[in-house]
N, C-alpha and C. Protein backbone atom coordinates (compact mmCIF):
# COMPACT_ATOMS: atom_id res chain seq x y z
N MET A 1 157.99 274.28 -56.39
CA MET A 1 157.97 275.25 -57.57
C MET A 1 158.76 276.46 -57.17
N LYS A 2 158.58 276.93 -55.88
CA LYS A 2 159.22 278.16 -55.39
C LYS A 2 160.75 278.01 -55.44
N LEU A 3 161.22 276.84 -55.00
CA LEU A 3 162.59 276.49 -55.01
C LEU A 3 163.27 276.62 -56.30
N ASN A 4 162.51 276.03 -57.29
CA ASN A 4 163.05 276.07 -58.76
C ASN A 4 163.10 277.48 -59.25
N LEU A 5 162.12 278.31 -58.99
CA LEU A 5 162.17 279.70 -59.38
C LEU A 5 163.27 280.55 -58.71
N ILE A 6 163.57 280.24 -57.41
CA ILE A 6 164.55 280.87 -56.54
C ILE A 6 165.93 280.51 -57.15
N ILE A 7 166.09 279.33 -57.68
CA ILE A 7 167.36 278.89 -58.34
C ILE A 7 167.52 279.37 -59.77
N PHE A 8 166.36 279.31 -60.45
CA PHE A 8 166.34 279.81 -61.81
C PHE A 8 166.72 281.24 -62.08
N ILE A 9 166.11 282.11 -61.32
CA ILE A 9 166.32 283.60 -61.59
C ILE A 9 167.76 283.96 -61.37
N PRO A 10 168.43 283.52 -60.18
CA PRO A 10 169.87 283.96 -59.99
C PRO A 10 170.74 283.26 -61.24
N LEU A 11 170.29 282.06 -61.54
CA LEU A 11 171.23 281.35 -62.71
C LEU A 11 171.12 282.16 -63.94
N VAL A 12 170.01 282.59 -64.34
CA VAL A 12 169.67 283.28 -65.54
C VAL A 12 170.60 284.72 -65.43
N PHE A 13 170.42 285.25 -64.32
CA PHE A 13 171.13 286.64 -64.10
C PHE A 13 172.64 286.40 -64.28
N ALA A 14 173.21 285.27 -63.68
CA ALA A 14 174.60 284.97 -63.72
C ALA A 14 174.89 284.71 -65.11
N LEU A 15 174.19 283.87 -65.83
CA LEU A 15 174.53 283.54 -67.21
C LEU A 15 174.42 284.73 -68.16
N LEU A 16 173.56 285.87 -67.82
CA LEU A 16 173.52 287.04 -68.54
C LEU A 16 174.78 287.79 -68.38
N LEU A 17 175.25 287.80 -67.21
CA LEU A 17 176.43 288.56 -66.76
C LEU A 17 177.69 287.97 -67.56
N ILE A 18 177.76 286.72 -67.55
CA ILE A 18 178.86 286.00 -68.18
C ILE A 18 178.79 286.29 -69.77
N SER A 19 177.58 286.09 -70.34
CA SER A 19 177.54 286.18 -71.66
C SER A 19 177.73 287.68 -72.26
N THR A 20 177.52 288.70 -71.44
CA THR A 20 177.80 290.03 -71.90
C THR A 20 179.15 290.27 -72.43
N GLY A 21 180.13 289.63 -71.63
CA GLY A 21 181.44 289.73 -72.06
C GLY A 21 181.74 289.20 -73.42
N PHE A 22 180.96 288.28 -73.83
CA PHE A 22 181.17 287.64 -75.10
C PHE A 22 180.31 288.25 -76.22
N ILE A 23 179.15 288.51 -75.94
CA ILE A 23 178.24 289.08 -76.90
C ILE A 23 178.54 290.53 -77.44
N PHE A 24 178.89 291.41 -76.57
CA PHE A 24 179.18 292.69 -76.94
C PHE A 24 180.52 292.75 -77.70
N SER A 25 180.67 293.46 -78.73
CA SER A 25 181.83 293.63 -79.51
C SER A 25 181.81 295.09 -80.02
N LYS A 26 183.11 295.50 -80.43
CA LYS A 26 183.18 296.79 -80.87
C LYS A 26 183.97 296.81 -82.27
N ASN A 27 183.81 297.78 -83.03
CA ASN A 27 184.61 297.92 -84.32
C ASN A 27 185.58 298.97 -84.19
N GLU A 28 186.79 298.69 -84.76
CA GLU A 28 187.88 299.63 -84.62
C GLU A 28 188.51 299.66 -85.93
N THR A 29 188.98 300.93 -86.35
CA THR A 29 189.60 301.02 -87.64
C THR A 29 191.05 301.41 -87.38
N VAL A 30 191.99 300.58 -87.95
CA VAL A 30 193.44 300.85 -87.96
C VAL A 30 193.74 301.59 -89.18
N ARG A 31 194.41 302.74 -89.03
CA ARG A 31 194.71 303.55 -90.29
C ARG A 31 195.51 303.04 -91.32
N SER A 32 195.35 303.63 -92.53
CA SER A 32 196.18 303.22 -93.66
C SER A 32 197.45 303.68 -93.73
N VAL A 33 198.45 303.00 -94.38
CA VAL A 33 199.89 303.35 -94.37
C VAL A 33 200.34 303.40 -95.86
N ASN A 34 201.05 304.54 -96.20
CA ASN A 34 201.66 304.76 -97.52
C ASN A 34 203.16 304.52 -97.16
N LEU A 35 203.69 303.57 -97.59
CA LEU A 35 205.11 303.16 -97.25
C LEU A 35 206.03 303.43 -98.54
N ILE A 36 207.16 304.05 -98.33
CA ILE A 36 208.05 304.28 -99.41
C ILE A 36 209.53 303.66 -98.94
N VAL A 37 210.02 302.68 -99.59
CA VAL A 37 211.26 302.05 -99.24
C VAL A 37 212.38 302.48 -100.19
N ILE A 38 213.45 303.10 -99.48
CA ILE A 38 214.57 303.68 -100.25
C ILE A 38 215.85 302.91 -99.82
N ASP A 39 216.78 302.83 -100.67
CA ASP A 39 218.14 302.41 -100.42
C ASP A 39 218.94 303.67 -99.97
N SER A 40 219.39 303.57 -98.75
CA SER A 40 220.06 304.68 -98.05
C SER A 40 221.29 305.12 -98.76
N PHE A 41 221.96 304.13 -99.49
CA PHE A 41 223.24 304.40 -100.08
C PHE A 41 223.09 305.38 -101.28
N ASP A 42 222.24 305.00 -102.27
CA ASP A 42 222.22 305.71 -103.38
C ASP A 42 220.82 306.56 -103.65
N ASN A 43 219.99 306.54 -102.45
CA ASN A 43 218.65 307.23 -102.60
C ASN A 43 217.81 306.71 -103.64
N LYS A 44 217.97 305.49 -104.12
CA LYS A 44 217.02 304.93 -105.23
C LYS A 44 215.97 304.09 -104.46
N PRO A 45 214.70 304.04 -105.04
CA PRO A 45 213.72 303.31 -104.47
C PRO A 45 213.93 301.73 -104.52
N VAL A 46 213.55 300.96 -103.59
CA VAL A 46 213.70 299.60 -103.56
C VAL A 46 212.47 298.97 -104.08
N SER A 47 212.56 298.40 -105.30
CA SER A 47 211.48 297.67 -105.82
C SER A 47 211.38 296.18 -105.43
N ASN A 48 210.09 295.70 -105.35
CA ASN A 48 209.89 294.21 -105.05
C ASN A 48 210.47 293.95 -103.56
N ALA A 49 210.50 294.78 -102.69
CA ALA A 49 210.94 294.53 -101.30
C ALA A 49 209.64 293.84 -100.66
N LEU A 50 210.08 292.75 -99.99
CA LEU A 50 208.94 291.91 -99.24
C LEU A 50 208.59 292.73 -97.97
N VAL A 51 207.32 292.85 -97.72
CA VAL A 51 206.79 293.50 -96.51
C VAL A 51 205.65 292.64 -96.00
N TYR A 52 205.95 292.39 -94.56
CA TYR A 52 204.93 291.65 -93.84
C TYR A 52 204.23 292.66 -92.97
N TYR A 53 202.88 292.53 -92.86
CA TYR A 53 202.13 293.50 -91.95
C TYR A 53 201.32 292.66 -91.14
N GLU A 54 201.36 293.12 -89.79
CA GLU A 54 200.71 292.38 -88.67
C GLU A 54 200.08 293.44 -87.70
N ILE A 55 198.85 293.12 -87.28
CA ILE A 55 198.15 293.80 -86.21
C ILE A 55 198.03 292.90 -85.06
N GLU A 56 198.39 293.32 -83.87
CA GLU A 56 198.25 292.47 -82.55
C GLU A 56 197.24 293.13 -81.66
N THR A 57 196.43 292.55 -80.98
CA THR A 57 195.46 293.06 -80.01
C THR A 57 195.84 292.50 -78.73
N VAL A 58 195.33 293.10 -77.65
CA VAL A 58 195.48 292.63 -76.24
C VAL A 58 194.09 292.65 -75.66
N ARG A 59 193.84 291.49 -74.94
CA ARG A 59 192.62 291.43 -74.29
C ARG A 59 192.65 291.04 -72.80
N GLN A 60 191.93 291.82 -71.98
CA GLN A 60 192.05 291.47 -70.45
C GLN A 60 191.05 290.20 -70.23
N ARG A 61 191.48 289.41 -69.33
CA ARG A 61 190.71 288.37 -68.82
C ARG A 61 189.59 288.97 -68.06
N THR A 62 188.44 288.28 -68.18
CA THR A 62 187.28 288.79 -67.26
C THR A 62 186.69 287.75 -66.48
N PHE A 63 186.06 288.14 -65.36
CA PHE A 63 185.36 287.17 -64.48
C PHE A 63 183.94 287.86 -64.29
N LEU A 64 182.93 287.15 -64.67
CA LEU A 64 181.56 287.63 -64.74
C LEU A 64 181.40 289.00 -65.37
N GLY A 65 182.19 289.27 -66.50
CA GLY A 65 182.10 290.44 -67.17
C GLY A 65 182.96 291.54 -66.64
N ILE A 66 183.61 291.33 -65.42
CA ILE A 66 184.47 292.33 -64.84
C ILE A 66 185.85 291.96 -65.33
N PRO A 67 186.60 292.93 -65.85
CA PRO A 67 187.90 292.89 -66.29
C PRO A 67 188.95 292.61 -65.10
N LEU A 68 189.85 291.72 -65.36
CA LEU A 68 190.91 291.49 -64.32
C LEU A 68 192.14 292.02 -64.94
N ILE A 69 193.16 292.31 -63.96
CA ILE A 69 194.29 292.92 -64.52
C ILE A 69 195.24 291.82 -65.18
N ASP A 70 195.41 290.66 -64.56
CA ASP A 70 196.27 289.61 -65.21
C ASP A 70 195.43 288.37 -65.35
N PRO A 71 195.68 287.54 -66.23
CA PRO A 71 196.65 287.70 -67.37
C PRO A 71 196.07 288.43 -68.55
N LEU A 72 196.99 288.96 -69.43
CA LEU A 72 196.46 289.62 -70.62
C LEU A 72 196.73 288.51 -71.82
N TYR A 73 195.78 288.53 -72.69
CA TYR A 73 195.94 287.60 -73.90
C TYR A 73 196.17 288.47 -75.17
N TYR A 74 197.06 288.11 -76.03
CA TYR A 74 197.46 288.70 -77.13
C TYR A 74 197.12 287.87 -78.36
N ARG A 75 196.67 288.47 -79.39
CA ARG A 75 196.06 287.87 -80.59
C ARG A 75 196.48 288.67 -81.76
N ASN A 76 196.97 287.88 -82.81
CA ASN A 76 197.27 288.51 -84.18
C ASN A 76 195.96 288.48 -84.89
N VAL A 77 195.38 289.62 -85.17
CA VAL A 77 194.22 289.67 -86.05
C VAL A 77 194.39 289.94 -87.49
N VAL A 78 195.37 290.47 -87.88
CA VAL A 78 195.79 290.71 -89.31
C VAL A 78 197.26 290.21 -89.57
N GLN A 79 197.49 289.39 -90.50
CA GLN A 79 198.84 288.94 -90.99
C GLN A 79 198.72 288.97 -92.53
N GLU A 80 199.41 289.97 -93.04
CA GLU A 80 199.49 290.01 -94.58
C GLU A 80 200.90 290.15 -95.23
N MET A 81 200.96 289.69 -96.38
CA MET A 81 202.27 289.92 -97.12
C MET A 81 202.05 290.83 -98.31
N TYR A 82 203.00 291.62 -98.61
CA TYR A 82 202.98 292.67 -99.76
C TYR A 82 204.39 292.72 -100.34
N TYR A 83 204.39 293.40 -101.56
CA TYR A 83 205.73 293.75 -102.23
C TYR A 83 205.62 295.19 -102.58
N THR A 84 206.72 295.83 -102.49
CA THR A 84 206.73 297.33 -103.12
C THR A 84 206.76 297.29 -104.55
N ASP A 85 206.25 298.43 -105.14
CA ASP A 85 206.17 298.44 -106.53
C ASP A 85 207.46 298.92 -107.11
N ASN A 86 207.50 299.21 -108.44
CA ASN A 86 208.83 299.68 -108.98
C ASN A 86 209.36 300.90 -108.51
N ASP A 87 208.55 301.88 -107.86
CA ASP A 87 208.95 303.11 -107.33
C ASP A 87 209.18 302.82 -105.75
N GLY A 88 209.22 301.70 -105.39
CA GLY A 88 209.47 301.43 -103.91
C GLY A 88 208.27 301.80 -102.96
N GLN A 89 207.14 301.95 -103.60
CA GLN A 89 205.91 302.34 -102.68
C GLN A 89 204.91 301.25 -102.50
N LEU A 90 204.26 301.27 -101.42
CA LEU A 90 203.29 300.32 -101.04
C LEU A 90 202.18 301.12 -100.21
N PHE A 91 201.00 300.75 -100.68
CA PHE A 91 199.79 301.29 -99.89
C PHE A 91 199.15 300.14 -99.17
N ILE A 92 199.02 300.30 -97.88
CA ILE A 92 198.45 299.27 -97.08
C ILE A 92 197.12 299.90 -96.61
N PRO A 93 195.99 299.29 -97.05
CA PRO A 93 194.76 300.00 -96.74
C PRO A 93 194.30 300.01 -95.24
N ALA A 94 193.39 300.70 -94.86
CA ALA A 94 192.86 300.74 -93.43
C ALA A 94 192.24 299.43 -93.23
N HIS A 95 192.17 298.93 -92.06
CA HIS A 95 191.62 297.66 -91.63
C HIS A 95 190.48 297.85 -90.55
N GLN A 96 189.33 297.35 -90.94
CA GLN A 96 188.24 297.42 -90.04
C GLN A 96 188.20 296.11 -89.16
N LEU A 97 188.39 296.33 -87.92
CA LEU A 97 188.55 295.17 -86.95
C LEU A 97 187.35 294.93 -86.07
N LYS A 98 186.79 293.76 -85.90
CA LYS A 98 185.70 293.52 -84.84
C LYS A 98 186.33 292.92 -83.72
N LEU A 99 186.40 293.66 -82.57
CA LEU A 99 187.07 293.24 -81.37
C LEU A 99 186.02 292.94 -80.35
N SER A 100 186.45 292.03 -79.35
CA SER A 100 185.59 291.77 -78.24
C SER A 100 185.52 292.98 -77.15
N ARG A 101 184.66 292.85 -76.32
CA ARG A 101 184.51 294.04 -75.40
C ARG A 101 185.78 294.59 -74.63
N HIS A 102 186.57 293.68 -74.15
CA HIS A 102 187.70 294.08 -73.40
C HIS A 102 189.00 293.98 -74.31
N GLU A 103 188.86 293.98 -75.65
CA GLU A 103 189.99 293.91 -76.40
C GLU A 103 190.31 295.14 -77.21
N GLU A 104 191.63 295.41 -77.38
CA GLU A 104 191.99 296.78 -78.07
C GLU A 104 193.26 296.38 -78.87
N VAL A 105 193.46 297.30 -79.94
CA VAL A 105 194.62 297.11 -80.71
C VAL A 105 195.87 297.57 -79.93
N PHE A 106 196.78 296.65 -79.88
CA PHE A 106 198.02 296.86 -79.01
C PHE A 106 199.19 297.40 -79.91
N ARG A 107 199.53 296.59 -80.97
CA ARG A 107 200.81 296.96 -81.78
C ARG A 107 200.39 296.75 -83.27
N GLU A 108 201.12 297.47 -84.14
CA GLU A 108 201.25 297.16 -85.49
C GLU A 108 202.70 296.89 -85.86
N TYR A 109 202.97 295.90 -86.57
CA TYR A 109 204.34 295.60 -86.95
C TYR A 109 204.43 295.54 -88.59
N ILE A 110 205.36 296.25 -89.02
CA ILE A 110 205.66 296.25 -90.58
C ILE A 110 207.11 295.80 -90.63
N SER A 111 207.28 294.59 -91.26
CA SER A 111 208.72 294.04 -91.46
C SER A 111 209.11 294.22 -93.01
N ILE A 112 210.09 294.86 -93.20
CA ILE A 112 210.60 295.08 -94.42
C ILE A 112 211.80 294.37 -94.81
N ASN A 113 211.87 293.66 -95.96
CA ASN A 113 213.01 292.96 -96.46
C ASN A 113 213.65 291.93 -95.35
N LEU A 114 212.56 291.25 -94.76
CA LEU A 114 212.87 290.21 -93.82
C LEU A 114 211.99 288.94 -94.23
N ASP A 115 212.54 287.77 -94.05
CA ASP A 115 211.64 286.62 -94.28
C ASP A 115 212.22 285.49 -93.46
N LYS A 116 211.42 284.38 -93.32
CA LYS A 116 211.96 283.10 -92.73
C LYS A 116 211.66 281.98 -93.66
N PRO A 117 212.35 280.86 -93.47
CA PRO A 117 212.25 279.80 -94.43
C PRO A 117 210.74 279.21 -94.32
N ASP A 118 210.12 279.20 -93.32
CA ASP A 118 208.80 278.58 -93.13
C ASP A 118 207.80 279.80 -93.05
N ASN A 119 206.93 279.79 -92.11
CA ASN A 119 205.91 280.78 -91.89
C ASN A 119 206.51 282.00 -91.13
N PHE A 120 206.45 283.22 -91.68
CA PHE A 120 207.03 284.27 -91.21
C PHE A 120 206.62 284.75 -89.75
N PHE A 121 205.30 284.55 -89.62
CA PHE A 121 204.56 284.93 -88.37
C PHE A 121 204.72 284.02 -87.31
N LYS A 122 205.31 282.77 -87.41
CA LYS A 122 205.60 281.93 -86.44
C LYS A 122 207.00 281.38 -86.55
N GLY A 123 207.44 280.80 -85.37
CA GLY A 123 208.75 280.26 -85.53
C GLY A 123 209.88 281.09 -84.87
N ASN A 124 211.03 280.69 -85.13
CA ASN A 124 212.23 281.18 -84.54
C ASN A 124 212.81 282.56 -85.30
N ALA A 125 212.96 283.56 -84.60
CA ALA A 125 213.46 284.80 -85.06
C ALA A 125 215.02 284.61 -85.51
N GLU A 126 215.61 283.67 -85.00
CA GLU A 126 217.02 283.44 -85.56
C GLU A 126 217.18 282.98 -86.96
N LYS A 127 216.16 282.63 -87.51
CA LYS A 127 216.11 282.04 -88.86
C LYS A 127 215.82 283.20 -89.92
N LEU A 128 215.71 284.47 -89.34
CA LEU A 128 215.43 285.58 -90.29
C LEU A 128 216.46 285.78 -91.32
N PHE A 129 216.21 286.09 -92.55
CA PHE A 129 217.25 286.36 -93.55
C PHE A 129 216.71 287.59 -94.48
N ASN A 130 217.45 288.24 -95.13
CA ASN A 130 217.21 289.38 -95.87
C ASN A 130 217.07 288.88 -97.38
N PRO A 131 215.72 289.03 -97.93
CA PRO A 131 215.63 288.46 -99.36
C PRO A 131 216.54 289.26 -100.36
N ILE A 132 216.64 290.62 -100.21
CA ILE A 132 217.49 291.34 -100.86
C ILE A 132 218.80 291.46 -100.22
N ALA A 133 219.65 290.55 -100.61
CA ALA A 133 220.86 290.29 -99.64
C ALA A 133 221.75 291.51 -99.33
N HIS A 134 221.95 292.43 -100.15
CA HIS A 134 222.78 293.47 -99.92
C HIS A 134 222.14 294.57 -99.01
N LEU A 135 220.89 294.49 -98.76
CA LEU A 135 220.24 295.44 -97.86
C LEU A 135 219.78 294.74 -96.40
N LYS A 136 220.12 295.47 -95.38
CA LYS A 136 219.44 295.08 -94.17
C LYS A 136 218.00 295.42 -94.18
N GLY A 137 217.20 294.79 -93.26
CA GLY A 137 215.74 294.92 -93.15
C GLY A 137 215.38 295.93 -92.18
N ALA A 138 214.15 296.18 -91.90
CA ALA A 138 213.56 297.12 -90.96
C ALA A 138 212.35 296.54 -90.33
N ILE A 139 212.17 296.64 -89.10
CA ILE A 139 210.93 296.36 -88.45
C ILE A 139 210.39 297.66 -87.77
N ILE A 140 209.07 298.10 -88.23
CA ILE A 140 208.48 299.14 -87.74
C ILE A 140 207.47 298.75 -86.67
N GLU A 141 207.60 299.36 -85.46
CA GLU A 141 206.63 298.97 -84.43
C GLU A 141 205.82 300.25 -84.11
N SER A 142 204.56 300.25 -84.29
CA SER A 142 203.61 301.27 -83.98
C SER A 142 202.65 301.03 -82.93
N SER A 143 202.34 302.09 -82.17
CA SER A 143 201.28 301.86 -81.03
C SER A 143 200.43 303.06 -80.88
N LYS A 144 199.58 302.95 -79.86
CA LYS A 144 198.63 304.15 -79.57
C LYS A 144 199.34 304.85 -78.47
N THR A 145 200.32 304.37 -77.80
CA THR A 145 201.01 304.97 -76.62
C THR A 145 202.36 305.30 -77.00
N GLU A 146 203.14 306.05 -76.00
CA GLU A 146 204.46 306.42 -76.09
C GLU A 146 205.37 305.12 -76.03
N LEU A 147 206.20 304.78 -76.90
CA LEU A 147 207.10 303.65 -76.81
C LEU A 147 208.49 304.04 -76.28
N ASP A 148 209.05 303.49 -75.30
CA ASP A 148 210.13 303.82 -74.69
C ASP A 148 211.36 303.13 -75.40
N PRO A 149 212.24 303.79 -76.06
CA PRO A 149 213.41 303.23 -76.71
C PRO A 149 214.32 302.43 -75.88
N THR A 150 214.45 302.80 -74.60
CA THR A 150 215.32 302.04 -73.60
C THR A 150 214.82 300.70 -73.34
N GLU A 151 213.62 300.31 -73.62
CA GLU A 151 213.21 299.05 -73.33
C GLU A 151 213.59 298.01 -74.47
N TYR A 152 214.28 298.62 -75.52
CA TYR A 152 214.61 297.69 -76.58
C TYR A 152 216.13 297.77 -76.70
N LYS A 153 216.69 296.67 -77.28
CA LYS A 153 218.16 296.60 -77.36
C LYS A 153 218.57 297.60 -78.57
N PRO A 154 219.66 298.18 -78.34
CA PRO A 154 220.18 299.15 -79.35
C PRO A 154 220.53 298.45 -80.61
N TYR A 155 220.44 299.12 -81.76
CA TYR A 155 220.85 298.63 -83.06
C TYR A 155 222.28 298.12 -82.99
N SER A 156 222.38 296.74 -83.55
CA SER A 156 223.81 296.29 -83.57
C SER A 156 224.12 295.78 -85.09
N ASN A 157 225.27 295.59 -85.40
CA ASN A 157 225.70 295.11 -86.74
C ASN A 157 225.31 293.63 -87.04
N GLU A 158 225.24 292.85 -85.92
CA GLU A 158 224.90 291.54 -86.16
C GLU A 158 223.40 291.28 -86.56
N LYS A 159 222.62 292.21 -86.12
CA LYS A 159 221.16 292.11 -86.42
C LYS A 159 220.98 292.27 -88.02
N LYS A 160 219.97 291.63 -88.45
CA LYS A 160 219.59 291.83 -89.89
C LYS A 160 218.70 292.85 -90.12
N PHE A 161 218.30 293.62 -89.26
CA PHE A 161 217.32 294.72 -89.34
C PHE A 161 217.46 295.80 -88.37
N GLU A 162 216.83 296.87 -88.62
CA GLU A 162 216.95 298.07 -87.70
C GLU A 162 215.44 298.03 -87.12
N HIS A 163 215.31 298.38 -85.88
CA HIS A 163 214.01 298.41 -85.15
C HIS A 163 213.58 299.86 -85.00
N LEU A 164 212.44 300.27 -85.68
CA LEU A 164 212.05 301.58 -85.72
C LEU A 164 210.77 301.76 -84.85
N LEU A 165 210.71 302.74 -83.98
CA LEU A 165 209.50 302.96 -83.19
C LEU A 165 208.66 304.10 -83.51
N TYR A 166 207.55 303.99 -83.68
CA TYR A 166 206.48 305.02 -84.19
C TYR A 166 205.46 305.14 -83.02
N SER A 167 205.79 305.97 -82.03
CA SER A 167 204.78 306.21 -80.92
C SER A 167 203.62 307.01 -81.36
N LYS A 168 202.52 306.58 -80.75
CA LYS A 168 201.17 307.07 -80.95
C LYS A 168 200.67 307.24 -82.45
N SER A 169 201.35 306.37 -83.39
CA SER A 169 201.00 306.35 -84.66
C SER A 169 199.76 305.82 -84.97
N LEU A 170 199.20 304.92 -84.13
CA LEU A 170 197.99 304.21 -84.44
C LEU A 170 196.73 305.11 -84.12
N LEU A 171 196.98 306.33 -83.52
CA LEU A 171 195.97 307.33 -83.26
C LEU A 171 195.64 308.12 -84.54
N LYS A 172 196.50 308.08 -85.55
CA LYS A 172 196.23 308.87 -86.77
C LYS A 172 195.30 308.25 -87.76
N GLU A 173 194.71 309.07 -88.63
CA GLU A 173 193.76 308.37 -89.61
C GLU A 173 194.56 307.82 -90.76
N SER A 174 195.73 308.23 -91.14
CA SER A 174 196.70 307.75 -92.09
C SER A 174 198.02 308.00 -91.71
N GLU A 175 199.00 307.31 -92.42
CA GLU A 175 200.44 307.59 -92.08
C GLU A 175 201.18 307.32 -93.29
N ARG A 176 202.30 308.28 -93.48
CA ARG A 176 203.20 308.12 -94.60
C ARG A 176 204.53 307.89 -93.98
N MET A 177 205.20 306.79 -94.40
CA MET A 177 206.48 306.36 -93.86
C MET A 177 207.49 306.28 -94.85
N GLU A 178 208.66 307.02 -94.81
CA GLU A 178 209.69 306.74 -95.70
C GLU A 178 210.90 306.05 -94.92
N ILE A 179 211.20 304.82 -95.40
CA ILE A 179 212.18 303.93 -94.70
C ILE A 179 213.27 303.87 -95.54
N ARG A 180 214.47 304.03 -95.01
CA ARG A 180 215.74 304.02 -95.73
C ARG A 180 216.49 302.84 -95.10
N LEU A 181 216.66 301.78 -96.11
CA LEU A 181 217.28 300.57 -95.65
C LEU A 181 218.81 300.69 -95.87
N ARG A 182 219.60 300.18 -94.93
CA ARG A 182 221.02 300.35 -94.99
C ARG A 182 221.56 299.19 -95.73
N ARG A 183 222.77 299.31 -96.33
CA ARG A 183 223.56 298.31 -97.02
C ARG A 183 224.47 297.72 -96.06
N TRP A 184 224.72 296.37 -96.17
CA TRP A 184 225.70 295.82 -95.24
C TRP A 184 227.02 296.36 -95.41
N LYS A 185 227.50 296.67 -96.65
CA LYS A 185 228.83 297.18 -96.88
C LYS A 185 228.96 298.62 -96.44
N GLU A 186 227.79 299.38 -96.59
CA GLU A 186 227.81 300.78 -96.15
C GLU A 186 228.09 300.87 -94.62
N GLN A 187 227.41 300.03 -93.85
CA GLN A 187 227.51 300.08 -92.41
C GLN A 187 228.95 299.74 -92.01
N ILE A 188 229.60 298.73 -92.67
CA ILE A 188 230.96 298.42 -92.33
C ILE A 188 231.90 299.54 -92.61
N ARG A 189 231.68 300.20 -93.85
CA ARG A 189 232.55 301.30 -94.21
C ARG A 189 232.49 302.42 -93.34
N ILE A 190 231.26 302.73 -92.80
CA ILE A 190 231.06 303.89 -91.92
C ILE A 190 231.80 303.56 -90.55
N GLU A 191 231.68 302.45 -90.16
CA GLU A 191 232.29 302.01 -88.82
C GLU A 191 233.85 301.99 -89.02
N GLY A 192 234.34 301.61 -90.20
CA GLY A 192 235.76 301.63 -90.39
C GLY A 192 236.33 303.09 -90.08
N LYS A 193 235.67 304.08 -90.46
CA LYS A 193 236.15 305.43 -90.48
C LYS A 193 236.10 305.98 -88.93
N MET A 194 235.36 305.21 -88.07
CA MET A 194 235.35 305.73 -86.63
C MET A 194 236.51 305.39 -85.96
């Protein structure tokens, strides 16, 4: 009987430590976004522009409830599709997220005037196209920390989008973004003058 008790107590304690990593969770709110999309050529609002919204989290691997440095696990917790209204505006509401104990919001991605033939959130980035053909798209990347622009490739003409970084934007309660989409011909004309 003593032997069973000696084995049982450490086993229960170990299971309790392991389960605490799974049982405890936290709630986090990602701020709302008021987005305005404008054609940079004529300064008119872009109506019915396709907008994809995504929130990505990161979680540390744990051993007996203790977080390890590597590997990190990434998870897409929100994937939504919207369209701008006739005034080029879109309101993305705040999102209440339930995260595990060692999980936190990592990035927010807002893709404007970009789509793929199949599922936008999966698949090959080479298949991206611009639904409003005369306008390039934009990808807005927001985080809680400072984003280093040197870690990303510079904007090039071959890309179908411009990559915009919003450092520490996820720390705010709400955000207003005015995005100016470039025209394909406008970009060529500007380069022809240089």
